[in-house]
Amino acid sequence: MRIQLYKFGNILLSRESGREALLAFQSTFPPLKKTESLEIDFDDLGTLTPSWADEFLTPLAREIGPRLVLLPSKNLSVTTTIDVLEKSNKMRFNWNE
């Protein structure tokens, strides 16, 4: 399954909107099969902040582990945000490079 983050907005800023996006995602998408991965697509995204991503990506990573796959991005706000989350949460995200 693939999530295109731009569908939640072009500029993803606050913890509150990150929590709301996660709840919306969880309520509208079917559960993953045990062997299925969840790909995060950053294409067409303007800005991603650590606060939004921490509320959306971190819980997903903790829930499904390496089956959460981040698709490549050249967006500096995306790569910087993921780096901040990895350091602050002492975890590694699975990049599909």
PDB file of N, CA and C in Angstrom:
ATOM      1  N   MET A   1       0.860  -1.172   0.000  1.00  0.00           N
ATOM      2  CA  MET A   1       0.000   0.000   0.000  1.00  0.00           C
ATOM      3  C   MET A   1       0.905   1.234   0.000  1.00  0.00           C
ATOM      4  N   ARG A   2       0.460   2.275  -0.662  1.00  0.00           N
ATOM      5  CA  ARG A   2       1.230   3.518  -0.751  1.00  0.00           C
ATOM      6  C   ARG A   2       0.385   4.700  -0.284  1.00  0.00           C
ATOM      7  N   ILE A   3       1.008   5.561   0.537  1.00  0.00           N
ATOM      8  CA  ILE A   3       0.364   6.801   0.984  1.00  0.00           C
ATOM      9  C   ILE A   3       1.105   7.959   0.333  1.00  0.00           C
ATOM     10  N   GLN A   4       0.385   8.807  -0.359  1.00  0.00           N
ATOM     11  CA  GLN A   4       0.957  10.031  -0.916  1.00  0.00           C
ATOM     12  C   GLN A   4       0.680  11.150   0.090  1.00  0.00           C
ATOM     13  N   LEU A   5       1.730  11.594   0.768  1.00  0.00           N
ATOM     14  CA  LEU A   5       1.547  12.552   1.853  1.00  0.00           C
ATOM     15  C   LEU A   5       0.965  13.883   1.395  1.00  0.00           C
ATOM     16  N   TYR A   6       1.172  14.262   0.138  1.00  0.00           N
ATOM     17  CA  TYR A   6       0.636  15.551  -0.316  1.00  0.00           C
ATOM     18  C   TYR A   6      -0.896  15.593  -0.226  1.00  0.00           C
ATOM     19  N   LYS A   7      -1.522  14.432  -0.141  1.00  0.00           N
ATOM     20  CA  LYS A   7      -2.982  14.411  -0.012  1.00  0.00           C
ATOM     21  C   LYS A   7      -3.449  14.946   1.335  1.00  0.00           C
ATOM     22  N   PHE A   8      -2.519  15.040   2.295  1.00  0.00           N
ATOM     23  CA  PHE A   8      -2.838  15.648   3.593  1.00  0.00           C
ATOM     24  C   PHE A   8      -2.532  17.142   3.589  1.00  0.00           C
ATOM     25  N   GLY A   9      -1.971  17.629   2.490  1.00  0.00           N
ATOM     26  CA  GLY A   9      -1.623  19.036   2.351  1.00  0.00           C
ATOM     27  C   GLY A   9      -0.212  19.168   1.793  1.00  0.00           C
ATOM     28  N   ASN A  10       0.087  20.340   1.265  1.00  0.00           N
ATOM     29  CA  ASN A  10       1.411  20.578   0.692  1.00  0.00           C
ATOM     30  C   ASN A  10       2.426  20.974   1.760  1.00  0.00           C
ATOM     31  N   ILE A  11       1.942  21.593   2.817  1.00  0.00           N
ATOM     32  CA  ILE A  11       2.799  22.035   3.920  1.00  0.00           C
ATOM     33  C   ILE A  11       2.285  21.362   5.186  1.00  0.00           C
ATOM     34  N   LEU A  12       3.070  20.414   5.701  1.00  0.00           N
ATOM     35  CA  LEU A  12       2.665  19.618   6.858  1.00  0.00           C
ATOM     36  C   LEU A  12       3.446  20.093   8.073  1.00  0.00           C
ATOM     37  N   LEU A  13       2.748  20.830   8.958  1.00  0.00           N
ATOM     38  CA  LEU A  13       3.446  21.578  10.005  1.00  0.00           C
ATOM     39  C   LEU A  13       3.255  21.115  11.440  1.00  0.00           C
ATOM     40  N   SER A  14       2.060  20.982  11.917  1.00  0.00           N
ATOM     41  CA  SER A  14       1.840  20.896  13.361  1.00  0.00           C
ATOM     42  C   SER A  14       1.608  19.476  13.861  1.00  0.00           C
ATOM     43  N   ARG A  15       1.839  19.296  15.144  1.00  0.00           N
ATOM     44  CA  ARG A  15       1.551  18.011  15.784  1.00  0.00           C
ATOM     45  C   ARG A  15       0.069  17.678  15.667  1.00  0.00           C
ATOM     46  N   GLU A  16      -0.757  18.671  15.899  1.00  0.00           N
ATOM     47  CA  GLU A  16      -2.203  18.449  15.842  1.00  0.00           C
ATOM     48  C   GLU A  16      -2.632  17.937  14.468  1.00  0.00           C
ATOM     49  N   SER A  17      -2.149  18.563  13.409  1.00  0.00           N
ATOM     50  CA  SER A  17      -2.560  18.113  12.074  1.00  0.00           C
ATOM     51  C   SER A  17      -1.933  16.756  11.738  1.00  0.00           C
ATOM     52  N   GLY A  18      -0.757  16.467  12.276  1.00  0.00           N
ATOM     53  CA  GLY A  18      -0.156  15.141  12.091  1.00  0.00           C
ATOM     54  C   GLY A  18      -0.981  14.055  12.762  1.00  0.00           C
ATOM     55  N   ARG A  19      -1.462  14.333  13.978  1.00  0.00           N
ATOM     56  CA  ARG A  19      -2.328  13.383  14.701  1.00  0.00           C
ATOM     57  C   ARG A  19      -3.636  13.169  13.941  1.00  0.00           C
ATOM     58  N   GLU A  20      -4.209  14.277  13.458  1.00  0.00           N
ATOM     59  CA  GLU A  20      -5.461  14.181  12.701  1.00  0.00           C
ATOM     60  C   GLU A  20      -5.269  13.367  11.420  1.00  0.00           C
ATOM     61  N   ALA A  21      -4.144  13.572  10.745  1.00  0.00           N
ATOM     62  CA  ALA A  21      -3.863  12.827   9.514  1.00  0.00           C
ATOM     63  C   ALA A  21      -3.727  11.333   9.816  1.00  0.00           C
ATOM     64  N   LEU A  22      -3.052  10.996  10.911  1.00  0.00           N
ATOM     65  CA  LEU A  22      -2.903   9.586  11.274  1.00  0.00           C
ATOM     66  C   LEU A  22      -4.261   8.961  11.575  1.00  0.00           C
ATOM     67  N   LEU A  23      -5.090   9.660  12.322  1.00  0.00           N
ATOM     68  CA  LEU A  23      -6.423   9.134  12.632  1.00  0.00           C
ATOM     69  C   LEU A  23      -7.257   8.958  11.364  1.00  0.00           C
ATOM     70  N   ALA A  24      -7.171   9.929  10.456  1.00  0.00           N
ATOM     71  CA  ALA A  24      -7.902   9.830   9.190  1.00  0.00           C
ATOM     72  C   ALA A  24      -7.402   8.634   8.383  1.00  0.00           C
ATOM     73  N   PHE A  25      -6.085   8.476   8.325  1.00  0.00           N
ATOM     74  CA  PHE A  25      -5.504   7.337   7.605  1.00  0.00           C
ATOM     75  C   PHE A  25      -5.972   6.020   8.214  1.00  0.00           C
ATOM     76  N   GLN A  26      -5.874   5.902   9.531  1.00  0.00           N
ATOM     77  CA  GLN A  26      -6.237   4.650  10.197  1.00  0.00           C
ATOM     78  C   GLN A  26      -7.713   4.310  10.031  1.00  0.00           C
ATOM     79  N   SER A  27      -8.552   5.319   9.932  1.00  0.00           N
ATOM     80  CA  SER A  27      -9.982   5.043   9.825  1.00  0.00           C
ATOM     81  C   SER A  27     -10.438   4.755   8.400  1.00  0.00           C
ATOM     82  N   THR A  28      -9.636   5.123   7.403  1.00  0.00           N
ATOM     83  CA  THR A  28     -10.086   4.944   6.023  1.00  0.00           C
ATOM     84  C   THR A  28      -9.370   3.836   5.265  1.00  0.00           C
ATOM     85  N   PHE A  29      -8.189   3.416   5.715  1.00  0.00           N
ATOM     86  CA  PHE A  29      -7.450   2.382   5.000  1.00  0.00           C
ATOM     87  C   PHE A  29      -7.597   1.044   5.712  1.00  0.00           C
ATOM     88  N   PRO A  30      -7.688  -0.036   4.956  1.00  0.00           N
ATOM     89  CA  PRO A  30      -7.795  -1.358   5.581  1.00  0.00           C
ATOM     90  C   PRO A  30      -6.475  -1.730   6.268  1.00  0.00           C
ATOM     91  N   PRO A  31      -6.535  -2.613   7.250  1.00  0.00           N
ATOM     92  CA  PRO A  31      -5.310  -3.053   7.918  1.00  0.00           C
ATOM     93  C   PRO A  31      -4.364  -3.727   6.920  1.00  0.00           C
ATOM     94  N   LEU A  32      -3.082  -3.591   7.179  1.00  0.00           N
ATOM     95  CA  LEU A  32      -2.087  -4.244   6.324  1.00  0.00           C
ATOM     96  C   LEU A  32      -2.083  -5.745   6.581  1.00  0.00           C
ATOM     97  N   LYS A  33      -1.840  -6.482   5.531  1.00  0.00           N
ATOM     98  CA  LYS A  33      -1.602  -7.920   5.695  1.00  0.00           C
ATOM     99  C   LYS A  33      -0.221  -8.077   6.336  1.00  0.00           C
ATOM    100  N   LYS A  34       0.029  -9.193   6.969  1.00  0.00           N
ATOM    101  CA  LYS A  34       1.282  -9.395   7.709  1.00  0.00           C
ATOM    102  C   LYS A  34       2.524  -9.273   6.836  1.00  0.00           C
ATOM    103  N   THR A  35       2.395  -9.530   5.544  1.00  0.00           N
ATOM    104  CA  THR A  35       3.547  -9.464   4.646  1.00  0.00           C
ATOM    105  C   THR A  35       3.569  -8.189   3.806  1.00  0.00           C
ATOM    106  N   GLU A  36       2.572  -7.347   3.968  1.00  0.00           N
ATOM    107  CA  GLU A  36       2.433  -6.139   3.151  1.00  0.00           C
ATOM    108  C   GLU A  36       3.215  -4.971   3.760  1.00  0.00           C
ATOM    109  N   SER A  37       3.819  -4.173   2.900  1.00  0.00           N
ATOM    110  CA  SER A  37       4.517  -2.976   3.386  1.00  0.00           C
ATOM    111  C   SER A  37       3.652  -1.737   3.131  1.00  0.00           C
ATOM    112  N   LEU A  38       3.997  -0.672   3.847  1.00  0.00           N
ATOM    113  CA  LEU A  38       3.321   0.605   3.694  1.00  0.00           C
ATOM    114  C   LEU A  38       4.366   1.600   3.203  1.00  0.00           C
ATOM    115  N   GLU A  39       4.215   2.050   1.961  1.00  0.00           N
ATOM    116  CA  GLU A  39       5.174   2.973   1.369  1.00  0.00           C
ATOM    117  C   GLU A  39       4.704   4.407   1.568  1.00  0.00           C
ATOM    118  N   ILE A  40       5.637   5.252   1.997  1.00  0.00           N
ATOM    119  CA  ILE A  40       5.353   6.669   2.192  1.00  0.00           C
ATOM    120  C   ILE A  40       5.979   7.434   1.027  1.00  0.00           C
ATOM    121  N   ASP A  41       5.129   8.094   0.260  1.00  0.00           N
ATOM    122  CA  ASP A  41       5.545   8.837  -0.935  1.00  0.00           C
ATOM    123  C   ASP A  41       5.561  10.332  -0.616  1.00  0.00           C
ATOM    124  N   PHE A  42       6.734  10.945  -0.748  1.00  0.00           N
ATOM    125  CA  PHE A  42       6.916  12.358  -0.433  1.00  0.00           C
ATOM    126  C   PHE A  42       6.815  13.259  -1.666  1.00  0.00           C
ATOM    127  N   ASP A  43       6.556  12.693  -2.829  1.00  0.00           N
ATOM    128  CA  ASP A  43       6.470  13.493  -4.062  1.00  0.00           C
ATOM    129  C   ASP A  43       5.429  14.604  -3.922  1.00  0.00           C
ATOM    130  N   ASP A  44       5.727  15.741  -4.515  1.00  0.00           N
ATOM    131  CA  ASP A  44       4.837  16.911  -4.565  1.00  0.00           C
ATOM    132  C   ASP A  44       4.581  17.542  -3.201  1.00  0.00           C
ATOM    133  N   LEU A  45       5.386  17.179  -2.210  1.00  0.00           N
ATOM    134  CA  LEU A  45       5.253  17.760  -0.876  1.00  0.00           C
ATOM    135  C   LEU A  45       6.153  18.984  -0.789  1.00  0.00           C
ATOM    136  N   GLY A  46       5.627  20.083  -0.275  1.00  0.00           N
ATOM    137  CA  GLY A  46       6.424  21.296  -0.130  1.00  0.00           C
ATOM    138  C   GLY A  46       7.283  21.266   1.111  1.00  0.00           C
ATOM    139  N   THR A  47       6.637  21.105   2.279  1.00  0.00           N
ATOM    140  CA  THR A  47       7.345  21.151   3.557  1.00  0.00           C
ATOM    141  C   THR A  47       6.825  20.061   4.480  1.00  0.00           C
ATOM    142  N   LEU A  48       7.757  19.382   5.150  1.00  0.00           N
ATOM    143  CA  LEU A  48       7.436  18.398   6.176  1.00  0.00           C
ATOM    144  C   LEU A  48       8.236  18.757   7.416  1.00  0.00           C
ATOM    145  N   THR A  49       7.550  18.984   8.527  1.00  0.00           N
ATOM    146  CA  THR A  49       8.247  19.347   9.763  1.00  0.00           C
ATOM    147  C   THR A  49       8.356  18.137  10.695  1.00  0.00           C
ATOM    148  N   PRO A  50       9.350  18.169  11.591  1.00  0.00           N
ATOM    149  CA  PRO A  50       9.495  17.071  12.548  1.00  0.00           C
ATOM    150  C   PRO A  50       8.262  16.866  13.424  1.00  0.00           C
ATOM    151  N   SER A  51       7.575  17.933  13.795  1.00  0.00           N
ATOM    152  CA  SER A  51       6.408  17.766  14.665  1.00  0.00           C
ATOM    153  C   SER A  51       5.299  16.989  13.952  1.00  0.00           C
ATOM    154  N   TRP A  52       4.991  17.327  12.705  1.00  0.00           N
ATOM    155  CA  TRP A  52       3.958  16.611  11.955  1.00  0.00           C
ATOM    156  C   TRP A  52       4.383  15.157  11.748  1.00  0.00           C
ATOM    157  N   ALA A  53       5.602  14.963  11.289  1.00  0.00           N
ATOM    158  CA  ALA A  53       6.094  13.618  10.991  1.00  0.00           C
ATOM    159  C   ALA A  53       6.170  12.748  12.243  1.00  0.00           C
ATOM    160  N   ASP A  54       6.501  13.353  13.382  1.00  0.00           N
ATOM    161  CA  ASP A  54       6.587  12.579  14.625  1.00  0.00           C
ATOM    162  C   ASP A  54       5.216  12.050  15.033  1.00  0.00           C
ATOM    163  N   GLU A  55       4.180  12.785  14.738  1.00  0.00           N
ATOM    164  CA  GLU A  55       2.825  12.342  15.067  1.00  0.00           C
ATOM    165  C   GLU A  55       2.268  11.343  14.049  1.00  0.00           C
ATOM    166  N   PHE A  56       2.779  11.388  12.830  1.00  0.00           N
ATOM    167  CA  PHE A  56       2.256  10.508  11.776  1.00  0.00           C
ATOM    168  C   PHE A  56       3.168   9.303  11.535  1.00  0.00           C
ATOM    169  N   LEU A  57       4.441   9.548  11.274  1.00  0.00           N
ATOM    170  CA  LEU A  57       5.350   8.468  10.890  1.00  0.00           C
ATOM    171  C   LEU A  57       5.848   7.636  12.067  1.00  0.00           C
ATOM    172  N   THR A  58       6.167   8.288  13.179  1.00  0.00           N
ATOM    173  CA  THR A  58       6.734   7.551  14.312  1.00  0.00           C
ATOM    174  C   THR A  58       5.781   6.477  14.835  1.00  0.00           C
ATOM    175  N   PRO A  59       4.488   6.779  15.053  1.00  0.00           N
ATOM    176  CA  PRO A  59       3.592   5.705  15.500  1.00  0.00           C
ATOM    177  C   PRO A  59       3.474   4.559  14.483  1.00  0.00           C
ATOM    178  N   LEU A  60       3.469   4.902  13.205  1.00  0.00           N
ATOM    179  CA  LEU A  60       3.408   3.852  12.186  1.00  0.00           C
ATOM    180  C   LEU A  60       4.664   2.989  12.223  1.00  0.00           C
ATOM    181  N   ALA A  61       5.819   3.618  12.366  1.00  0.00           N
ATOM    182  CA  ALA A  61       7.080   2.877  12.424  1.00  0.00           C
ATOM    183  C   ALA A  61       7.111   1.958  13.639  1.00  0.00           C
ATOM    184  N   ARG A  62       6.609   2.446  14.750  1.00  0.00           N
ATOM    185  CA  ARG A  62       6.587   1.607  15.963  1.00  0.00           C
ATOM    186  C   ARG A  62       5.607   0.451  15.827  1.00  0.00           C
ATOM    187  N   GLU A  63       4.533   0.680  15.099  1.00  0.00           N
ATOM    188  CA  GLU A  63       3.508  -0.352  14.936  1.00  0.00           C
ATOM    189  C   GLU A  63       3.907  -1.426  13.930  1.00  0.00           C
ATOM    190  N   ILE A  64       4.442  -1.020  12.780  1.00  0.00           N
ATOM    191  CA  ILE A  64       4.705  -2.012  11.729  1.00  0.00           C
ATOM    192  C   ILE A  64       6.185  -2.217  11.420  1.00  0.00           C
ATOM    193  N   GLY A  65       7.053  -1.486  12.097  1.00  0.00           N
ATOM    194  CA  GLY A  65       8.493  -1.695  11.976  1.00  0.00           C
ATOM    195  C   GLY A  65       9.021  -1.510  10.565  1.00  0.00           C
ATOM    196  N   PRO A  66       9.873  -2.445  10.117  1.00  0.00           N
ATOM    197  CA  PRO A  66      10.518  -2.292   8.812  1.00  0.00           C
ATOM    198  C   PRO A  66       9.573  -2.395   7.617  1.00  0.00           C
ATOM    199  N   ARG A  67       8.316  -2.734   7.871  1.00  0.00           N
ATOM    200  CA  ARG A  67       7.344  -2.749   6.763  1.00  0.00           C
ATOM    201  C   ARG A  67       6.915  -1.336   6.385  1.00  0.00           C
ATOM    202  N   LEU A  68       7.278  -0.344   7.210  1.00  0.00           N
ATOM    203  CA  LEU A  68       7.072   1.057   6.835  1.00  0.00           C
ATOM    204  C   LEU A  68       8.271   1.456   5.983  1.00  0.00           C
ATOM    205  N   VAL A  69       8.024   1.768   4.728  1.00  0.00           N
ATOM    206  CA  VAL A  69       9.091   2.042   3.767  1.00  0.00           C
ATOM    207  C   VAL A  69       8.956   3.475   3.267  1.00  0.00           C
ATOM    208  N   LEU A  70      10.016   4.261   3.451  1.00  0.00           N
ATOM    209  CA  LEU A  70      10.032   5.640   2.961  1.00  0.00           C
ATOM    210  C   LEU A  70      10.610   5.640   1.557  1.00  0.00           C
ATOM    211  N   LEU A  71       9.872   6.200   0.618  1.00  0.00           N
ATOM    212  CA  LEU A  71      10.351   6.286  -0.761  1.00  0.00           C
ATOM    213  C   LEU A  71      11.344   7.441  -0.886  1.00  0.00           C
ATOM    214  N   PRO A  72      12.288   7.339  -1.815  1.00  0.00           N
ATOM    215  CA  PRO A  72      13.317   8.364  -1.956  1.00  0.00           C
ATOM    216  C   PRO A  72      12.735   9.766  -2.154  1.00  0.00           C
ATOM    217  N   SER A  73      13.446  10.751  -1.603  1.00  0.00           N
ATOM    218  CA  SER A  73      13.033  12.148  -1.747  1.00  0.00           C
ATOM    219  C   SER A  73      14.265  13.035  -1.818  1.00  0.00           C
ATOM    220  N   LYS A  74      14.197  14.038  -2.682  1.00  0.00           N
ATOM    221  CA  LYS A  74      15.259  15.041  -2.754  1.00  0.00           C
ATOM    222  C   LYS A  74      14.863  16.308  -2.002  1.00  0.00           C
ATOM    223  N   ASN A  75      13.695  16.289  -1.379  1.00  0.00           N
ATOM    224  CA  ASN A  75      13.185  17.427  -0.633  1.00  0.00           C
ATOM    225  C   ASN A  75      13.970  17.549   0.672  1.00  0.00           C
ATOM    226  N   LEU A  76      14.672  18.660   0.845  1.00  0.00           N
ATOM    227  CA  LEU A  76      15.525  18.856   2.013  1.00  0.00           C
ATOM    228  C   LEU A  76      14.729  18.842   3.321  1.00  0.00           C
ATOM    229  N   SER A  77      13.503  19.359   3.310  1.00  0.00           N
ATOM    230  CA  SER A  77      12.718  19.341   4.550  1.00  0.00           C
ATOM    231  C   SER A  77      12.358  17.905   4.936  1.00  0.00           C
ATOM    232  N   VAL A  78      12.173  17.039   3.961  1.00  0.00           N
ATOM    233  CA  VAL A  78      11.859  15.633   4.240  1.00  0.00           C
ATOM    234  C   VAL A  78      13.086  14.930   4.812  1.00  0.00           C
ATOM    235  N   THR A  79      14.211  15.031   4.139  1.00  0.00           N
ATOM    236  CA  THR A  79      15.403  14.310   4.597  1.00  0.00           C
ATOM    237  C   THR A  79      15.889  14.823   5.952  1.00  0.00           C
ATOM    238  N   THR A  80      15.811  16.119   6.160  1.00  0.00           N
ATOM    239  CA  THR A  80      16.212  16.693   7.445  1.00  0.00           C
ATOM    240  C   THR A  80      15.264  16.242   8.556  1.00  0.00           C
ATOM    241  N   THR A  81      13.970  16.260   8.275  1.00  0.00           N
ATOM    242  CA  THR A  81      12.969  15.836   9.260  1.00  0.00           C
ATOM    243  C   THR A  81      13.186  14.383   9.661  1.00  0.00           C
ATOM    244  N   ILE A  82      13.406  13.512   8.700  1.00  0.00           N
ATOM    245  CA  ILE A  82      13.618  12.095   9.016  1.00  0.00           C
ATOM    246  C   ILE A  82      14.885  11.927   9.845  1.00  0.00           C
ATOM    247  N   ASP A  83      15.924  12.669   9.521  1.00  0.00           N
ATOM    248  CA  ASP A  83      17.163  12.621  10.300  1.00  0.00           C
ATOM    249  C   ASP A  83      16.911  13.056  11.747  1.00  0.00           C
ATOM    250  N   VAL A  84      16.156  14.136  11.931  1.00  0.00           N
ATOM    251  CA  VAL A  84      15.824  14.621  13.280  1.00  0.00           C
ATOM    252  C   VAL A  84      15.042  13.555  14.048  1.00  0.00           C
ATOM    253  N   LEU A  85      14.055  12.938  13.401  1.00  0.00           N
ATOM    254  CA  LEU A  85      13.252  11.914  14.069  1.00  0.00           C
ATOM    255  C   LEU A  85      14.092  10.702  14.458  1.00  0.00           C
ATOM    256  N   GLU A  86      14.980  10.288  13.570  1.00  0.00           N
ATOM    257  CA  GLU A  86      15.830   9.134  13.875  1.00  0.00           C
ATOM    258  C   GLU A  86      16.708   9.409  15.090  1.00  0.00           C
ATOM    259  N   LYS A  87      17.257  10.607  15.151  1.00  0.00           N
ATOM    260  CA  LYS A  87      18.126  10.949  16.285  1.00  0.00           C
ATOM    261  C   LYS A  87      17.333  11.131  17.574  1.00  0.00           C
ATOM    262  N   SER A  88      16.228  11.838  17.515  1.00  0.00           N
ATOM    263  CA  SER A  88      15.476  12.128  18.738  1.00  0.00           C
ATOM    264  C   SER A  88      14.751  10.898  19.279  1.00  0.00           C
ATOM    265  N   ASN A  89      14.316  10.005  18.397  1.00  0.00           N
ATOM    266  CA  ASN A  89      13.590   8.807  18.830  1.00  0.00           C
ATOM    267  C   ASN A  89      14.480   7.570  18.913  1.00  0.00           C
ATOM    268  N   LYS A  90      15.766   7.743  18.569  1.00  0.00           N
ATOM    269  CA  LYS A  90      16.731   6.632  18.585  1.00  0.00           C
ATOM    270  C   LYS A  90      16.184   5.419  17.811  1.00  0.00           C
ATOM    271  N   MET A  91      15.822   5.706  16.569  1.00  0.00           N
ATOM    272  CA  MET A  91      15.282   4.664  15.708  1.00  0.00           C
ATOM    273  C   MET A  91      15.760   4.910  14.282  1.00  0.00           C
ATOM    274  N   ARG A  92      15.608   3.914  13.424  1.00  0.00           N
ATOM    275  CA  ARG A  92      15.952   4.055  12.019  1.00  0.00           C
ATOM    276  C   ARG A  92      14.729   3.770  11.172  1.00  0.00           C
ATOM    277  N   PHE A  93      14.509   4.628  10.183  1.00  0.00           N
ATOM    278  CA  PHE A  93      13.438   4.385   9.215  1.00  0.00           C
ATOM    279  C   PHE A  93      14.001   3.591   8.062  1.00  0.00           C
ATOM    280  N   ASN A  94      13.159   2.836   7.431  1.00  0.00           N
ATOM    281  CA  ASN A  94      13.533   1.997   6.300  1.00  0.00           C
ATOM    282  C   ASN A  94      13.332   2.788   5.006  1.00  0.00           C
ATOM    283  N   TRP A  95      14.439   3.268   4.416  1.00  0.00           N
ATOM    284  CA  TRP A  95      14.384   3.997   3.146  1.00  0.00           C
ATOM    285  C   TRP A  95      14.489   3.016   1.991  1.00  0.00           C
ATOM    286  N   ASN A  96      13.657   3.170   0.996  1.00  0.00           N
ATOM    287  CA  ASN A  96      13.763   2.376  -0.232  1.00  0.00           C
ATOM    288  C   ASN A  96      14.617   3.181  -1.208  1.00  0.00           C
ATOM    289  N   GLU A  97      15.904   2.933  -1.174  1.00  0.00           N
ATOM    290  CA  GLU A  97      16.807   3.756  -2.002  1.00  0.00           C
ATOM    291  C   GLU A  97      17.285   3.064  -3.219  1.00  0.00           C
TER     292      GLU A  97
END
